[in-house]
């Protein structure tokens, strides 16, 4: 089953403000979440229910998986120094 990918307003804005080369790398990784929502290398964030992160170079994608609705919600996207603030 394929999961539907959705972006929060914040994640959408953060994604659009990145350079196009970085956007392409992140987009391919985000698209792969539709088939495998918890791929090898993803980590569950401690202290927060249902949030995961994947690394793409120096950038991080923070997302939630809603298994009952088959949705991957991208919550935040940013450089590793800033994304956890």
Protein backbone atom coordinates (compact mmCIF):
# COMPACT_ATOMS: atom_id res chain seq x y z
CA UNK A 1 0.00 0.00 0.00
CA UNK A 2 1.19 3.47 -0.82
CA UNK A 3 1.16 6.22 1.75
CA UNK A 4 0.06 9.71 0.75
CA UNK A 5 2.63 12.46 1.38
CA UNK A 6 1.39 15.71 2.93
CA UNK A 7 3.29 18.81 4.03
CA UNK A 8 2.51 21.07 6.96
CA UNK A 9 2.44 24.78 6.10
CA UNK A 10 5.76 25.25 7.88
CA UNK A 11 7.44 22.35 6.04
CA UNK A 12 6.11 23.56 2.70
CA UNK A 13 7.49 27.05 3.30
CA UNK A 14 10.84 25.68 4.50
CA UNK A 15 11.09 23.42 1.44
CA UNK A 16 10.36 26.25 -1.02
CA UNK A 17 13.03 28.47 0.57
CA UNK A 18 15.83 25.94 -0.04
CA UNK A 19 18.13 25.97 -3.09
CA UNK A 20 16.79 23.90 -6.00
CA UNK A 21 19.65 21.39 -5.83
CA UNK A 22 18.83 20.63 -2.18
CA UNK A 23 15.11 20.52 -3.01
CA UNK A 24 15.71 17.79 -5.60
CA UNK A 25 17.64 15.62 -3.14
CA UNK A 26 15.00 16.08 -0.45
CA UNK A 27 12.11 15.50 -2.87
CA UNK A 28 13.43 12.11 -3.97
CA UNK A 29 13.86 11.06 -0.34
CA UNK A 30 10.38 12.33 0.62
CA UNK A 31 8.81 10.53 -2.36
CA UNK A 32 10.41 7.27 -1.23
CA UNK A 33 8.51 7.57 2.08
CA UNK A 34 5.28 6.75 0.22
CA UNK A 35 6.42 3.14 -0.21
CA UNK A 36 8.53 2.77 2.93
CA UNK A 37 7.46 5.23 5.65
CA UNK A 38 10.14 4.06 8.10
CA UNK A 39 13.17 3.32 5.89
CA UNK A 40 16.54 2.08 7.10
CA UNK A 41 18.30 5.03 8.71
CA UNK A 42 15.17 6.74 9.97
CA UNK A 43 15.03 7.33 13.71
CA UNK A 44 12.12 7.91 16.04
CA UNK A 45 12.54 11.19 17.90
CA UNK A 46 12.69 10.77 21.65
CA UNK A 47 10.17 12.61 23.77
CA UNK A 48 7.72 13.11 20.91
CA UNK A 49 5.03 10.64 19.88
CA UNK A 50 5.03 9.40 16.31
CA UNK A 51 7.75 11.73 14.96
CA UNK A 52 10.63 10.39 12.91
CA UNK A 53 13.61 11.93 11.18
CA UNK A 54 15.70 11.04 8.19
CA UNK A 55 19.00 12.56 7.20
CA UNK A 56 19.76 13.88 3.75
CA UNK A 57 23.30 15.24 3.92
CA UNK A 58 23.26 18.14 6.37
CA UNK A 59 19.48 18.44 6.15
CA UNK A 60 16.80 16.71 8.20
CA UNK A 61 13.23 15.79 7.37
CA UNK A 62 10.96 15.51 10.41
CA UNK A 63 7.74 13.62 9.73
CA UNK A 64 4.86 11.72 11.30
CA UNK A 65 3.34 8.47 10.09
CA UNK A 66 -0.41 7.92 10.39
CA UNK A 67 -0.78 4.19 9.67
CA UNK A 68 -4.55 4.15 10.11
CA UNK A 69 -4.99 6.76 7.33
CA UNK A 70 -1.90 5.81 5.26
CA UNK A 71 -0.45 9.32 5.47
CA UNK A 72 3.10 10.58 5.93
CA UNK A 73 2.96 14.16 7.20
CA UNK A 74 6.18 16.13 6.70
CA UNK A 75 6.33 18.48 9.68
CA UNK A 76 9.69 20.27 9.34
CA UNK A 77 12.57 20.45 6.89
CA UNK A 78 15.84 22.21 7.59
CA UNK A 79 19.55 22.23 8.21
CA UNK A 80 20.63 19.99 11.06
CA UNK A 81 21.67 23.01 13.19
CA UNK A 82 18.23 24.61 12.98
CA UNK A 83 15.60 21.93 12.50
CA UNK A 84 15.35 20.79 16.13
CA UNK A 85 14.74 24.29 17.55
